[in-house]
Amino acid sequence: MVQRSLHKPLNVGGFLSLVPSSNSGFSFSAMSGQTFLTISLAVLALLFCARLLNRVHSTLAIVSLSMIIGGGLSNLLDRALHDGRVSDFLGLSTWFVCNGADIAITLGVVLLLVSFCSGRKVLR
């Protein structure tokens, strides 16, 4: 939607802007152009997270894994609808463009690390 509606970056205040962009790889365009490998690795990561979700009993770990899975599924759907590319549109400062799914994945990973480093038993 942003790709069709916005033809140039639009600063919406401070360090945040709307930037029409797309990416065929992972974060920071890693593995761009390798659509099959990118999708395969994403599916494997999602299956791992789903399996891990059945083994955790910490609320924080459950929320974290749910954010990772939701963001990953969203990006896979985006790739399916846009010829293997993910639509990015949130420009953070001048160095990074992402989407809501990327933010959910990143926050989920950080919270999962916090959960595992908390000293409490997380896995069953």
PDB file of N, CA and C in Angstrom:
ATOM      1  N   MET A   1       0.818  -1.186   0.000  1.00  0.00           N
ATOM      2  CA  MET A   1       0.000   0.000   0.000  1.00  0.00           C
ATOM      3  C   MET A   1       0.867   1.257   0.000  1.00  0.00           C
ATOM      4  N   VAL A   2       1.875   1.287   0.884  1.00  0.00           N
ATOM      5  CA  VAL A   2       2.755   2.447   0.950  1.00  0.00           C
ATOM      6  C   VAL A   2       3.497   2.605  -0.375  1.00  0.00           C
ATOM      7  N   GLN A   3       3.871   1.489  -0.973  1.00  0.00           N
ATOM      8  CA  GLN A   3       4.614   1.532  -2.231  1.00  0.00           C
ATOM      9  C   GLN A   3       3.818   2.263  -3.318  1.00  0.00           C
ATOM     10  N   ARG A   4       2.512   2.035  -3.355  1.00  0.00           N
ATOM     11  CA  ARG A   4       1.673   2.661  -4.380  1.00  0.00           C
ATOM     12  C   ARG A   4       1.281   4.084  -4.028  1.00  0.00           C
ATOM     13  N   SER A   5       1.186   4.388  -2.743  1.00  0.00           N
ATOM     14  CA  SER A   5       0.689   5.694  -2.313  1.00  0.00           C
ATOM     15  C   SER A   5       1.771   6.748  -2.135  1.00  0.00           C
ATOM     16  N   LEU A   6       2.971   6.325  -1.850  1.00  0.00           N
ATOM     17  CA  LEU A   6       4.036   7.257  -1.518  1.00  0.00           C
ATOM     18  C   LEU A   6       5.156   7.129  -2.545  1.00  0.00           C
ATOM     19  N   HIS A   7       5.514   8.232  -3.172  1.00  0.00           N
ATOM     20  CA  HIS A   7       6.522   8.178  -4.237  1.00  0.00           C
ATOM     21  C   HIS A   7       7.888   8.691  -3.811  1.00  0.00           C
ATOM     22  N   LYS A   8       7.942   9.345  -2.660  1.00  0.00           N
ATOM     23  CA  LYS A   8       9.218   9.808  -2.117  1.00  0.00           C
ATOM     24  C   LYS A   8       9.112   9.815  -0.602  1.00  0.00           C
ATOM     25  N   PRO A   9      10.258   9.800   0.100  1.00  0.00           N
ATOM     26  CA  PRO A   9      10.216   9.790   1.567  1.00  0.00           C
ATOM     27  C   PRO A   9       9.441  10.978   2.134  1.00  0.00           C
ATOM     28  N   LEU A  10       8.754  10.724   3.245  1.00  0.00           N
ATOM     29  CA  LEU A  10       7.968  11.749   3.917  1.00  0.00           C
ATOM     30  C   LEU A  10       8.329  11.745   5.401  1.00  0.00           C
ATOM     31  N   ASN A  11       8.931  12.822   5.888  1.00  0.00           N
ATOM     32  CA  ASN A  11       9.290  12.917   7.297  1.00  0.00           C
ATOM     33  C   ASN A  11       8.023  13.166   8.102  1.00  0.00           C
ATOM     34  N   VAL A  12       7.788  12.311   9.088  1.00  0.00           N
ATOM     35  CA  VAL A  12       6.586  12.457   9.908  1.00  0.00           C
ATOM     36  C   VAL A  12       6.915  12.966  11.308  1.00  0.00           C
ATOM     37  N   GLY A  13       8.135  13.379  11.509  1.00  0.00           N
ATOM     38  CA  GLY A  13       8.534  13.969  12.781  1.00  0.00           C
ATOM     39  C   GLY A  13       9.763  13.331  13.376  1.00  0.00           C
ATOM     40  N   GLY A  14      10.710  14.167  13.711  1.00  0.00           N
ATOM     41  CA  GLY A  14      11.924  13.674  14.347  1.00  0.00           C
ATOM     42  C   GLY A  14      12.693  12.714  13.468  1.00  0.00           C
ATOM     43  N   PHE A  15      13.036  11.570  14.020  1.00  0.00           N
ATOM     44  CA  PHE A  15      13.835  10.594  13.288  1.00  0.00           C
ATOM     45  C   PHE A  15      12.986   9.600  12.498  1.00  0.00           C
ATOM     46  N   LEU A  16      11.657   9.758  12.481  1.00  0.00           N
ATOM     47  CA  LEU A  16      10.764   8.818  11.805  1.00  0.00           C
ATOM     48  C   LEU A  16      10.267   9.387  10.483  1.00  0.00           C
ATOM     49  N   SER A  17      10.338   8.574   9.439  1.00  0.00           N
ATOM     50  CA  SER A  17       9.814   8.977   8.141  1.00  0.00           C
ATOM     51  C   SER A  17       9.182   7.769   7.454  1.00  0.00           C
ATOM     52  N   LEU A  18       8.331   8.047   6.491  1.00  0.00           N
ATOM     53  CA  LEU A  18       7.751   7.001   5.653  1.00  0.00           C
ATOM     54  C   LEU A  18       8.564   6.945   4.372  1.00  0.00           C
ATOM     55  N   VAL A  19       9.128   5.774   4.094  1.00  0.00           N
ATOM     56  CA  VAL A  19      10.028   5.614   2.960  1.00  0.00           C
ATOM     57  C   VAL A  19       9.589   4.393   2.161  1.00  0.00           C
ATOM     58  N   PRO A  20       9.121   4.581   0.934  1.00  0.00           N
ATOM     59  CA  PRO A  20       8.738   3.416   0.133  1.00  0.00           C
ATOM     60  C   PRO A  20       9.983   2.620  -0.260  1.00  0.00           C
ATOM     61  N   SER A  21      10.021   1.366   0.149  1.00  0.00           N
ATOM     62  CA  SER A  21      11.192   0.532  -0.104  1.00  0.00           C
ATOM     63  C   SER A  21      10.766  -0.932  -0.099  1.00  0.00           C
ATOM     64  N   SER A  22      11.593  -1.786  -0.654  1.00  0.00           N
ATOM     65  CA  SER A  22      11.348  -3.221  -0.558  1.00  0.00           C
ATOM     66  C   SER A  22      12.686  -3.930  -0.444  1.00  0.00           C
ATOM     67  N   ASN A  23      12.629  -5.186   0.004  1.00  0.00           N
ATOM     68  CA  ASN A  23      13.844  -5.917   0.296  1.00  0.00           C
ATOM     69  C   ASN A  23      13.602  -7.393   0.009  1.00  0.00           C
ATOM     70  N   SER A  24      14.489  -8.011  -0.736  1.00  0.00           N
ATOM     71  CA  SER A  24      14.335  -9.434  -1.029  1.00  0.00           C
ATOM     72  C   SER A  24      15.130 -10.297  -0.057  1.00  0.00           C
ATOM     73  N   GLY A  25      15.842  -9.675   0.876  1.00  0.00           N
ATOM     74  CA  GLY A  25      16.649 -10.429   1.836  1.00  0.00           C
ATOM     75  C   GLY A  25      16.136 -10.265   3.247  1.00  0.00           C
ATOM     76  N   PHE A  26      17.053 -10.451   4.189  1.00  0.00           N
ATOM     77  CA  PHE A  26      16.758 -10.250   5.605  1.00  0.00           C
ATOM     78  C   PHE A  26      17.118  -8.828   5.986  1.00  0.00           C
ATOM     79  N   SER A  27      17.268  -8.574   7.268  1.00  0.00           N
ATOM     80  CA  SER A  27      17.646  -7.241   7.756  1.00  0.00           C
ATOM     81  C   SER A  27      18.915  -6.744   7.085  1.00  0.00           C
ATOM     82  N   PHE A  28      18.928  -5.446   6.835  1.00  0.00           N
ATOM     83  CA  PHE A  28      20.057  -4.778   6.183  1.00  0.00           C
ATOM     84  C   PHE A  28      20.375  -5.408   4.828  1.00  0.00           C
ATOM     85  N   SER A  29      19.351  -5.963   4.164  1.00  0.00           N
ATOM     86  CA  SER A  29      19.456  -6.565   2.829  1.00  0.00           C
ATOM     87  C   SER A  29      20.379  -7.772   2.770  1.00  0.00           C
ATOM     88  N   ALA A  30      20.637  -8.411   3.899  1.00  0.00           N
ATOM     89  CA  ALA A  30      21.456  -9.623   3.897  1.00  0.00           C
ATOM     90  C   ALA A  30      20.781 -10.693   3.050  1.00  0.00           C
ATOM     91  N   MET A  31      21.520 -11.338   2.208  1.00  0.00           N
ATOM     92  CA  MET A  31      21.060 -12.409   1.320  1.00  0.00           C
ATOM     93  C   MET A  31      20.052 -11.924   0.282  1.00  0.00           C
ATOM     94  N   SER A  32      20.128 -10.676  -0.113  1.00  0.00           N
ATOM     95  CA  SER A  32      19.225 -10.155  -1.149  1.00  0.00           C
ATOM     96  C   SER A  32      19.385 -10.948  -2.434  1.00  0.00           C
ATOM     97  N   GLY A  33      18.268 -11.179  -3.087  1.00  0.00           N
ATOM     98  CA  GLY A  33      18.280 -11.881  -4.355  1.00  0.00           C
ATOM     99  C   GLY A  33      18.273 -13.397  -4.227  1.00  0.00           C
ATOM    100  N   GLN A  34      18.347 -13.912  -3.023  1.00  0.00           N
ATOM    101  CA  GLN A  34      18.345 -15.354  -2.808  1.00  0.00           C
ATOM    102  C   GLN A  34      17.016 -15.757  -2.175  1.00  0.00           C
ATOM    103  N   THR A  35      15.947 -15.552  -2.944  1.00  0.00           N
ATOM    104  CA  THR A  35      14.588 -15.695  -2.433  1.00  0.00           C
ATOM    105  C   THR A  35      14.315 -17.083  -1.863  1.00  0.00           C
ATOM    106  N   PHE A  36      14.682 -18.130  -2.587  1.00  0.00           N
ATOM    107  CA  PHE A  36      14.396 -19.486  -2.111  1.00  0.00           C
ATOM    108  C   PHE A  36      15.093 -19.756  -0.788  1.00  0.00           C
ATOM    109  N   LEU A  37      16.346 -19.385  -0.674  1.00  0.00           N
ATOM    110  CA  LEU A  37      17.097 -19.599   0.554  1.00  0.00           C
ATOM    111  C   LEU A  37      16.541 -18.748   1.696  1.00  0.00           C
ATOM    112  N   THR A  38      16.189 -17.510   1.403  1.00  0.00           N
ATOM    113  CA  THR A  38      15.614 -16.619   2.414  1.00  0.00           C
ATOM    114  C   THR A  38      14.306 -17.196   2.960  1.00  0.00           C
ATOM    115  N   ILE A  39      13.433 -17.631   2.080  1.00  0.00           N
ATOM    116  CA  ILE A  39      12.152 -18.200   2.504  1.00  0.00           C
ATOM    117  C   ILE A  39      12.365 -19.505   3.258  1.00  0.00           C
ATOM    118  N   SER A  40      13.270 -20.343   2.789  1.00  0.00           N
ATOM    119  CA  SER A  40      13.548 -21.619   3.458  1.00  0.00           C
ATOM    120  C   SER A  40      14.060 -21.411   4.877  1.00  0.00           C
ATOM    121  N   LEU A  41      14.998 -20.495   5.049  1.00  0.00           N
ATOM    122  CA  LEU A  41      15.537 -20.216   6.378  1.00  0.00           C
ATOM    123  C   LEU A  41      14.471 -19.608   7.297  1.00  0.00           C
ATOM    124  N   ALA A  42      13.617 -18.755   6.735  1.00  0.00           N
ATOM    125  CA  ALA A  42      12.542 -18.161   7.534  1.00  0.00           C
ATOM    126  C   ALA A  42      11.560 -19.238   7.998  1.00  0.00           C
ATOM    127  N   VAL A  43      11.216 -20.161   7.128  1.00  0.00           N
ATOM    128  CA  VAL A  43      10.297 -21.244   7.493  1.00  0.00           C
ATOM    129  C   VAL A  43      10.923 -22.127   8.569  1.00  0.00           C
ATOM    130  N   LEU A  44      12.203 -22.455   8.419  1.00  0.00           N
ATOM    131  CA  LEU A  44      12.891 -23.262   9.437  1.00  0.00           C
ATOM    132  C   LEU A  44      12.918 -22.546  10.790  1.00  0.00           C
ATOM    133  N   ALA A  45      13.188 -21.261  10.775  1.00  0.00           N
ATOM    134  CA  ALA A  45      13.201 -20.479  12.018  1.00  0.00           C
ATOM    135  C   ALA A  45      11.812 -20.459  12.653  1.00  0.00           C
ATOM    136  N   LEU A  46      10.769 -20.317  11.839  1.00  0.00           N
ATOM    137  CA  LEU A  46       9.402 -20.316  12.362  1.00  0.00           C
ATOM    138  C   LEU A  46       9.026 -21.677  12.957  1.00  0.00           C
ATOM    139  N   LEU A  47       9.434 -22.746  12.307  1.00  0.00           N
ATOM    140  CA  LEU A  47       9.160 -24.083  12.842  1.00  0.00           C
ATOM    141  C   LEU A  47       9.896 -24.296  14.164  1.00  0.00           C
ATOM    142  N   PHE A  48      11.137 -23.821  14.239  1.00  0.00           N
ATOM    143  CA  PHE A  48      11.897 -23.911  15.488  1.00  0.00           C
ATOM    144  C   PHE A  48      11.197 -23.138  16.607  1.00  0.00           C
ATOM    145  N   CYS A  49      10.751 -21.930  16.297  1.00  0.00           N
ATOM    146  CA  CYS A  49      10.060 -21.102  17.299  1.00  0.00           C
ATOM    147  C   CYS A  49       8.746 -21.737  17.732  1.00  0.00           C
ATOM    148  N   ALA A  50       8.024 -22.334  16.791  1.00  0.00           N
ATOM    149  CA  ALA A  50       6.757 -22.996  17.129  1.00  0.00           C
ATOM    150  C   ALA A  50       7.009 -24.193  18.041  1.00  0.00           C
ATOM    151  N   ARG A  51       8.065 -24.936  17.761  1.00  0.00           N
ATOM    152  CA  ARG A  51       8.411 -26.076  18.615  1.00  0.00           C
ATOM    153  C   ARG A  51       8.838 -25.592  20.005  1.00  0.00           C
ATOM    154  N   LEU A  52       9.619 -24.536  20.033  1.00  0.00           N
ATOM    155  CA  LEU A  52      10.062 -23.966  21.308  1.00  0.00           C
ATOM    156  C   LEU A  52       8.882 -23.424  22.108  1.00  0.00           C
ATOM    157  N   LEU A  53       7.901 -22.886  21.408  1.00  0.00           N
ATOM    158  CA  LEU A  53       6.712 -22.341  22.068  1.00  0.00           C
ATOM    159  C   LEU A  53       5.997 -23.409  22.897  1.00  0.00           C
ATOM    160  N   ASN A  54       6.044 -24.652  22.438  1.00  0.00           N
ATOM    161  CA  ASN A  54       5.414 -25.750  23.173  1.00  0.00           C
ATOM    162  C   ASN A  54       6.221 -26.182  24.396  1.00  0.00           C
ATOM    163  N   ARG A  55       7.459 -25.700  24.526  1.00  0.00           N
ATOM    164  CA  ARG A  55       8.328 -26.131  25.631  1.00  0.00           C
ATOM    165  C   ARG A  55       8.517 -25.064  26.707  1.00  0.00           C
ATOM    166  N   VAL A  56       8.087 -23.838  26.456  1.00  0.00           N
ATOM    167  CA  VAL A  56       8.308 -22.780  27.448  1.00  0.00           C
ATOM    168  C   VAL A  56       7.088 -22.638  28.357  1.00  0.00           C
ATOM    169  N   HIS A  57       7.334 -22.172  29.553  1.00  0.00           N
ATOM    170  CA  HIS A  57       6.217 -21.938  30.468  1.00  0.00           C
ATOM    171  C   HIS A  57       6.267 -20.528  31.046  1.00  0.00           C
ATOM    172  N   SER A  58       7.233 -19.757  30.656  1.00  0.00           N
ATOM    173  CA  SER A  58       7.330 -18.365  31.082  1.00  0.00           C
ATOM    174  C   SER A  58       6.427 -17.500  30.210  1.00  0.00           C
ATOM    175  N   THR A  59       5.642 -16.645  30.833  1.00  0.00           N
ATOM    176  CA  THR A  59       4.750 -15.759  30.083  1.00  0.00           C
ATOM    177  C   THR A  59       5.540 -14.863  29.135  1.00  0.00           C
ATOM    178  N   LEU A  60       6.664 -14.344  29.610  1.00  0.00           N
ATOM    179  CA  LEU A  60       7.491 -13.477  28.769  1.00  0.00           C
ATOM    180  C   LEU A  60       8.012 -14.228  27.553  1.00  0.00           C
ATOM    181  N   ALA A  61       8.433 -15.473  27.734  1.00  0.00           N
ATOM    182  CA  ALA A  61       8.924 -16.280  26.610  1.00  0.00           C
ATOM    183  C   ALA A  61       7.803 -16.582  25.620  1.00  0.00           C
ATOM    184  N   ILE A  62       6.616 -16.839  26.131  1.00  0.00           N
ATOM    185  CA  ILE A  62       5.471 -17.115  25.252  1.00  0.00           C
ATOM    186  C   ILE A  62       5.132 -15.886  24.418  1.00  0.00           C
ATOM    187  N   VAL A  63       5.085 -14.720  25.050  1.00  0.00           N
ATOM    188  CA  VAL A  63       4.807 -13.475  24.331  1.00  0.00           C
ATOM    189  C   VAL A  63       5.903 -13.209  23.305  1.00  0.00           C
ATOM    190  N   SER A  64       7.156 -13.406  23.698  1.00  0.00           N
ATOM    191  CA  SER A  64       8.293 -13.165  22.811  1.00  0.00           C
ATOM    192  C   SER A  64       8.229 -14.046  21.568  1.00  0.00           C
ATOM    193  N   LEU A  65       8.037 -15.336  21.786  1.00  0.00           N
ATOM    194  CA  LEU A  65       7.965 -16.264  20.656  1.00  0.00           C
ATOM    195  C   LEU A  65       6.749 -15.966  19.773  1.00  0.00           C
ATOM    196  N   SER A  66       5.660 -15.559  20.381  1.00  0.00           N
ATOM    197  CA  SER A  66       4.464 -15.200  19.604  1.00  0.00           C
ATOM    198  C   SER A  66       4.741 -13.985  18.721  1.00  0.00           C
ATOM    199  N   MET A  67       5.495 -13.010  19.245  1.00  0.00           N
ATOM    200  CA  MET A  67       5.855 -11.840  18.435  1.00  0.00           C
ATOM    201  C   MET A  67       6.752 -12.249  17.264  1.00  0.00           C
ATOM    202  N   ILE A  68       7.714 -13.124  17.529  1.00  0.00           N
ATOM    203  CA  ILE A  68       8.620 -13.587  16.473  1.00  0.00           C
ATOM    204  C   ILE A  68       7.842 -14.350  15.403  1.00  0.00           C
ATOM    205  N   ILE A  69       6.983 -15.253  15.828  1.00  0.00           N
ATOM    206  CA  ILE A  69       6.196 -16.054  14.880  1.00  0.00           C
ATOM    207  C   ILE A  69       5.242 -15.169  14.085  1.00  0.00           C
ATOM    208  N   GLY A  70       4.556 -14.258  14.761  1.00  0.00           N
ATOM    209  CA  GLY A  70       3.632 -13.358  14.063  1.00  0.00           C
ATOM    210  C   GLY A  70       4.349 -12.483  13.044  1.00  0.00           C
ATOM    211  N   GLY A  71       5.477 -11.913  13.435  1.00  0.00           N
ATOM    212  CA  GLY A  71       6.253 -11.084  12.513  1.00  0.00           C
ATOM    213  C   GLY A  71       6.794 -11.897  11.343  1.00  0.00           C
ATOM    214  N   GLY A  72       7.272 -13.107  11.642  1.00  0.00           N
ATOM    215  CA  GLY A  72       7.797 -13.970  10.582  1.00  0.00           C
ATOM    216  C   GLY A  72       6.725 -14.387   9.588  1.00  0.00           C
ATOM    217  N   LEU A  73       5.549 -14.752  10.098  1.00  0.00           N
ATOM    218  CA  LEU A  73       4.443 -15.117   9.198  1.00  0.00           C
ATOM    219  C   LEU A  73       4.005 -13.915   8.355  1.00  0.00           C
ATOM    220  N   SER A  74       3.990 -12.745   8.968  1.00  0.00           N
ATOM    221  CA  SER A  74       3.620 -11.533   8.237  1.00  0.00           C
ATOM    222  C   SER A  74       4.600 -11.262   7.096  1.00  0.00           C
ATOM    223  N   ASN A  75       5.888 -11.393   7.374  1.00  0.00           N
ATOM    224  CA  ASN A  75       6.877 -11.177   6.314  1.00  0.00           C
ATOM    225  C   ASN A  75       6.780 -12.245   5.225  1.00  0.00           C
ATOM    226  N   LEU A  76       6.492 -13.503   5.607  1.00  0.00           N
ATOM    227  CA  LEU A  76       6.318 -14.553   4.593  1.00  0.00           C
ATOM    228  C   LEU A  76       5.110 -14.258   3.702  1.00  0.00           C
ATOM    229  N   LEU A  77       4.026 -13.802   4.302  1.00  0.00           N
ATOM    230  CA  LEU A  77       2.846 -13.425   3.515  1.00  0.00           C
ATOM    231  C   LEU A  77       3.184 -12.269   2.578  1.00  0.00           C
ATOM    232  N   ASP A  78       3.904 -11.293   3.085  1.00  0.00           N
ATOM    233  CA  ASP A  78       4.327 -10.150   2.261  1.00  0.00           C
ATOM    234  C   ASP A  78       5.155 -10.632   1.070  1.00  0.00           C
ATOM    235  N   ARG A  79       6.068 -11.570   1.313  1.00  0.00           N
ATOM    236  CA  ARG A  79       6.892 -12.122   0.223  1.00  0.00           C
ATOM    237  C   ARG A  79       6.025 -12.857  -0.801  1.00  0.00           C
ATOM    238  N   ALA A  80       5.028 -13.601  -0.308  1.00  0.00           N
ATOM    239  CA  ALA A  80       4.145 -14.347  -1.208  1.00  0.00           C
ATOM    240  C   ALA A  80       3.344 -13.397  -2.105  1.00  0.00           C
ATOM    241  N   LEU A  81       2.969 -12.248  -1.564  1.00  0.00           N
ATOM    242  CA  LEU A  81       2.158 -11.291  -2.317  1.00  0.00           C
ATOM    243  C   LEU A  81       2.979 -10.344  -3.185  1.00  0.00           C
ATOM    244  N   HIS A  82       4.285 -10.233  -2.926  1.00  0.00           N
ATOM    245  CA  HIS A  82       5.108  -9.243  -3.629  1.00  0.00           C
ATOM    246  C   HIS A  82       6.359  -9.844  -4.259  1.00  0.00           C
ATOM    247  N   ASP A  83       6.202 -10.997  -4.912  1.00  0.00           N
ATOM    248  CA  ASP A  83       7.268 -11.585  -5.712  1.00  0.00           C
ATOM    249  C   ASP A  83       8.566 -11.786  -4.924  1.00  0.00           C
ATOM    250  N   GLY A  84       8.441 -12.309  -3.703  1.00  0.00           N
ATOM    251  CA  GLY A  84       9.610 -12.626  -2.899  1.00  0.00           C
ATOM    252  C   GLY A  84      10.222 -11.449  -2.160  1.00  0.00           C
ATOM    253  N   ARG A  85       9.563 -10.306  -2.197  1.00  0.00           N
ATOM    254  CA  ARG A  85      10.093  -9.101  -1.549  1.00  0.00           C
ATOM    255  C   ARG A  85       9.196  -8.703  -0.373  1.00  0.00           C
ATOM    256  N   VAL A  86       9.798  -8.077   0.602  1.00  0.00           N
ATOM    257  CA  VAL A  86       9.076  -7.548   1.755  1.00  0.00           C
ATOM    258  C   VAL A  86       8.993  -6.034   1.597  1.00  0.00           C
ATOM    259  N   SER A  87       7.811  -5.482   1.824  1.00  0.00           N
ATOM    260  CA  SER A  87       7.633  -4.033   1.741  1.00  0.00           C
ATOM    261  C   SER A  87       8.082  -3.391   3.048  1.00  0.00           C
ATOM    262  N   ASP A  88       9.043  -2.507   2.945  1.00  0.00           N
ATOM    263  CA  ASP A  88       9.506  -1.750   4.102  1.00  0.00           C
ATOM    264  C   ASP A  88       9.085  -0.301   3.909  1.00  0.00           C
ATOM    265  N   PHE A  89       8.750   0.369   5.013  1.00  0.00           N
ATOM    266  CA  PHE A  89       8.252   1.739   4.858  1.00  0.00           C
ATOM    267  C   PHE A  89       8.528   2.643   6.050  1.00  0.00           C
ATOM    268  N   LEU A  90       9.008   2.097   7.158  1.00  0.00           N
ATOM    269  CA  LEU A  90       9.284   2.913   8.333  1.00  0.00           C
ATOM    270  C   LEU A  90      10.769   3.267   8.365  1.00  0.00           C
ATOM    271  N   GLY A  91      11.073   4.512   8.043  1.00  0.00           N
ATOM    272  CA  GLY A  91      12.454   4.972   8.059  1.00  0.00           C
ATOM    273  C   GLY A  91      12.815   5.462   9.447  1.00  0.00           C
ATOM    274  N   LEU A  92      13.816   4.837  10.051  1.00  0.00           N
ATOM    275  CA  LEU A  92      14.277   5.233  11.375  1.00  0.00           C
ATOM    276  C   LEU A  92      15.605   5.951  11.200  1.00  0.00           C
ATOM    277  N   SER A  93      15.598   7.247  11.432  1.00  0.00           N
ATOM    278  CA  SER A  93      16.745   8.113  11.185  1.00  0.00           C
ATOM    279  C   SER A  93      17.059   8.046   9.690  1.00  0.00           C
ATOM    280  N   THR A  94      18.310   7.955   9.343  1.00  0.00           N
ATOM    281  CA  THR A  94      18.677   7.894   7.924  1.00  0.00           C
ATOM    282  C   THR A  94      19.348   6.581   7.568  1.00  0.00           C
ATOM    283  N   TRP A  95      19.361   5.628   8.490  1.00  0.00           N
ATOM    284  CA  TRP A  95      20.149   4.428   8.246  1.00  0.00           C
ATOM    285  C   TRP A  95      19.369   3.132   8.180  1.00  0.00           C
ATOM    286  N   PHE A  96      18.077   3.141   8.444  1.00  0.00           N
ATOM    287  CA  PHE A  96      17.360   1.877   8.539  1.00  0.00           C
ATOM    288  C   PHE A  96      15.919   2.047   8.096  1.00  0.00           C
ATOM    289  N   VAL A  97      15.448   1.159   7.238  1.00  0.00           N
ATOM    290  CA  VAL A  97      14.049   1.138   6.820  1.00  0.00           C
ATOM    291  C   VAL A  97      13.511  -0.256   7.142  1.00  0.00           C
ATOM    292  N   CYS A  98      12.363  -0.317   7.810  1.00  0.00           N
ATOM    293  CA  CYS A  98      11.800  -1.602   8.211  1.00  0.00           C
ATOM    294  C   CYS A  98      10.280  -1.563   8.098  1.00  0.00           C
ATOM    295  N   ASN A  99       9.625  -2.584   8.630  1.00  0.00           N
ATOM    296  CA  ASN A  99       8.164  -2.617   8.679  1.00  0.00           C
ATOM    297  C   ASN A  99       7.738  -3.100  10.064  1.00  0.00           C
ATOM    298  N   GLY A 100       6.461  -3.149  10.304  1.00  0.00           N
ATOM    299  CA  GLY A 100       5.960  -3.553  11.617  1.00  0.00           C
ATOM    300  C   GLY A 100       6.356  -4.970  11.993  1.00  0.00           C
ATOM    301  N   ALA A 101       6.401  -5.867  11.022  1.00  0.00           N
ATOM    302  CA  ALA A 101       6.793  -7.248  11.297  1.00  0.00           C
ATOM    303  C   ALA A 101       8.246  -7.310  11.767  1.00  0.00           C
ATOM    304  N   ASP A 102       9.110  -6.516  11.146  1.00  0.00           N
ATOM    305  CA  ASP A 102      10.516  -6.481  11.553  1.00  0.00           C
ATOM    306  C   ASP A 102      10.654  -6.000  12.997  1.00  0.00           C
ATOM    307  N   ILE A 103       9.856  -5.017  13.366  1.00  0.00           N
ATOM    308  CA  ILE A 103       9.886  -4.500  14.735  1.00  0.00           C
ATOM    309  C   ILE A 103       9.414  -5.583  15.713  1.00  0.00           C
ATOM    310  N   ALA A 104       8.349  -6.305  15.356  1.00  0.00           N
ATOM    311  CA  ALA A 104       7.845  -7.374  16.226  1.00  0.00           C
ATOM    312  C   ALA A 104       8.892  -8.474  16.394  1.00  0.00           C
ATOM    313  N   ILE A 105       9.558  -8.851  15.322  1.00  0.00           N
ATOM    314  CA  ILE A 105      10.593  -9.887  15.398  1.00  0.00           C
ATOM    315  C   ILE A 105      11.746  -9.427  16.290  1.00  0.00           C
ATOM    316  N   THR A 106      12.205  -8.207  16.074  1.00  0.00           N
ATOM    317  CA  THR A 106      13.330  -7.683  16.850  1.00  0.00           C
ATOM    318  C   THR A 106      12.994  -7.591  18.336  1.00  0.00           C
ATOM    319  N   LEU A 107      11.842  -7.028  18.654  1.00  0.00           N
ATOM    320  CA  LEU A 107      11.426  -6.939  20.062  1.00  0.00           C
ATOM    321  C   LEU A 107      11.238  -8.328  20.664  1.00  0.00           C
ATOM    322  N   GLY A 108      10.684  -9.245  19.874  1.00  0.00           N
ATOM    323  CA  GLY A 108      10.498 -10.615  20.350  1.00  0.00           C
ATOM    324  C   GLY A 108      11.822 -11.285  20.684  1.00  0.00           C
ATOM    325  N   VAL A 109      12.827 -11.101  19.839  1.00  0.00           N
ATOM    326  CA  VAL A 109      14.152 -11.688  20.092  1.00  0.00           C
ATOM    327  C   VAL A 109      14.772 -11.088  21.356  1.00  0.00           C
ATOM    328  N   VAL A 110      14.686  -9.764  21.484  1.00  0.00           N
ATOM    329  CA  VAL A 110      15.248  -9.103  22.666  1.00  0.00           C
ATOM    330  C   VAL A 110      14.551  -9.592  23.934  1.00  0.00           C
ATOM    331  N   LEU A 111      13.223  -9.645  23.917  1.00  0.00           N
ATOM    332  CA  LEU A 111      12.482 -10.113  25.091  1.00  0.00           C
ATOM    333  C   LEU A 111      12.748 -11.590  25.390  1.00  0.00           C
ATOM    334  N   LEU A 112      12.955 -12.389  24.352  1.00  0.00           N
ATOM    335  CA  LEU A 112      13.271 -13.799  24.561  1.00  0.00           C
ATOM    336  C   LEU A 112      14.637 -13.942  25.235  1.00  0.00           C
ATOM    337  N   LEU A 113      15.589 -13.145  24.793  1.00  0.00           N
ATOM    338  CA  LEU A 113      16.906 -13.163  25.443  1.00  0.00           C
ATOM    339  C   LEU A 113      16.794 -12.739  26.910  1.00  0.00           C
ATOM    340  N   VAL A 114      16.008 -11.707  27.179  1.00  0.00           N
ATOM    341  CA  VAL A 114      15.785 -11.273  28.561  1.00  0.00           C
ATOM    342  C   VAL A 114      15.172 -12.418  29.365  1.00  0.00           C
ATOM    343  N   SER A 115      14.210 -13.104  28.776  1.00  0.00           N
ATOM    344  CA  SER A 115      13.542 -14.210  29.453  1.00  0.00           C
ATOM    345  C   SER A 115      14.534 -15.307  29.815  1.00  0.00           C
ATOM    346  N   PHE A 116      15.400 -15.687  28.870  1.00  0.00           N
ATOM    347  CA  PHE A 116      16.363 -16.758  29.122  1.00  0.00           C
ATOM    348  C   PHE A 116      17.483 -16.318  30.061  1.00  0.00           C
ATOM    349  N   CYS A 117      17.779 -15.036  30.092  1.00  0.00           N
ATOM    350  CA  CYS A 117      18.856 -14.529  30.952  1.00  0.00           C
ATOM    351  C   CYS A 117      18.364 -14.109  32.334  1.00  0.00           C
ATOM    352  N   SER A 118      17.091 -14.266  32.595  1.00  0.00           N
ATOM    353  CA  SER A 118      16.514 -13.795  33.856  1.00  0.00           C
ATOM    354  C   SER A 118      16.892 -14.664  35.054  1.00  0.00           C
ATOM    355  N   GLY A 119      17.418 -15.833  34.790  1.00  0.00           N
ATOM    356  CA  GLY A 119      17.774 -16.726  35.892  1.00  0.00           C
ATOM    357  C   GLY A 119      16.644 -17.649  36.291  1.00  0.00           C
ATOM    358  N   ARG A 120      15.469 -17.429  35.755  1.00  0.00           N
ATOM    359  CA  ARG A 120      14.332 -18.306  36.051  1.00  0.00           C
ATOM    360  C   ARG A 120      14.285 -19.443  35.038  1.00  0.00           C
ATOM    361  N   LYS A 121      13.678 -20.519  35.446  1.00  0.00           N
ATOM    362  CA  LYS A 121      13.521 -21.665  34.538  1.00  0.00           C
ATOM    363  C   LYS A 121      12.472 -21.316  33.490  1.00  0.00           C
ATOM    364  N   VAL A 122      12.854 -21.397  32.222  1.00  0.00           N
ATOM    365  CA  VAL A 122      11.964 -21.012  31.124  1.00  0.00           C
ATOM    366  C   VAL A 122      11.429 -22.251  30.396  1.00  0.00           C
ATOM    367  N   LEU A 123      12.275 -23.253  30.199  1.00  0.00           N
ATOM    368  CA  LEU A 123      11.874 -24.453  29.461  1.00  0.00           C
ATOM    369  C   LEU A 123      11.344 -25.531  30.380  1.00  0.00           C
ATOM    370  N   ARG A 124      10.424 -26.321  29.864  1.00  0.00           N
ATOM    371  CA  ARG A 124       9.885 -27.472  30.593  1.00  0.00           C
ATOM    372  C   ARG A 124      10.807 -28.640  30.416  1.00  0.00           C
TER     373      ARG A 124
END
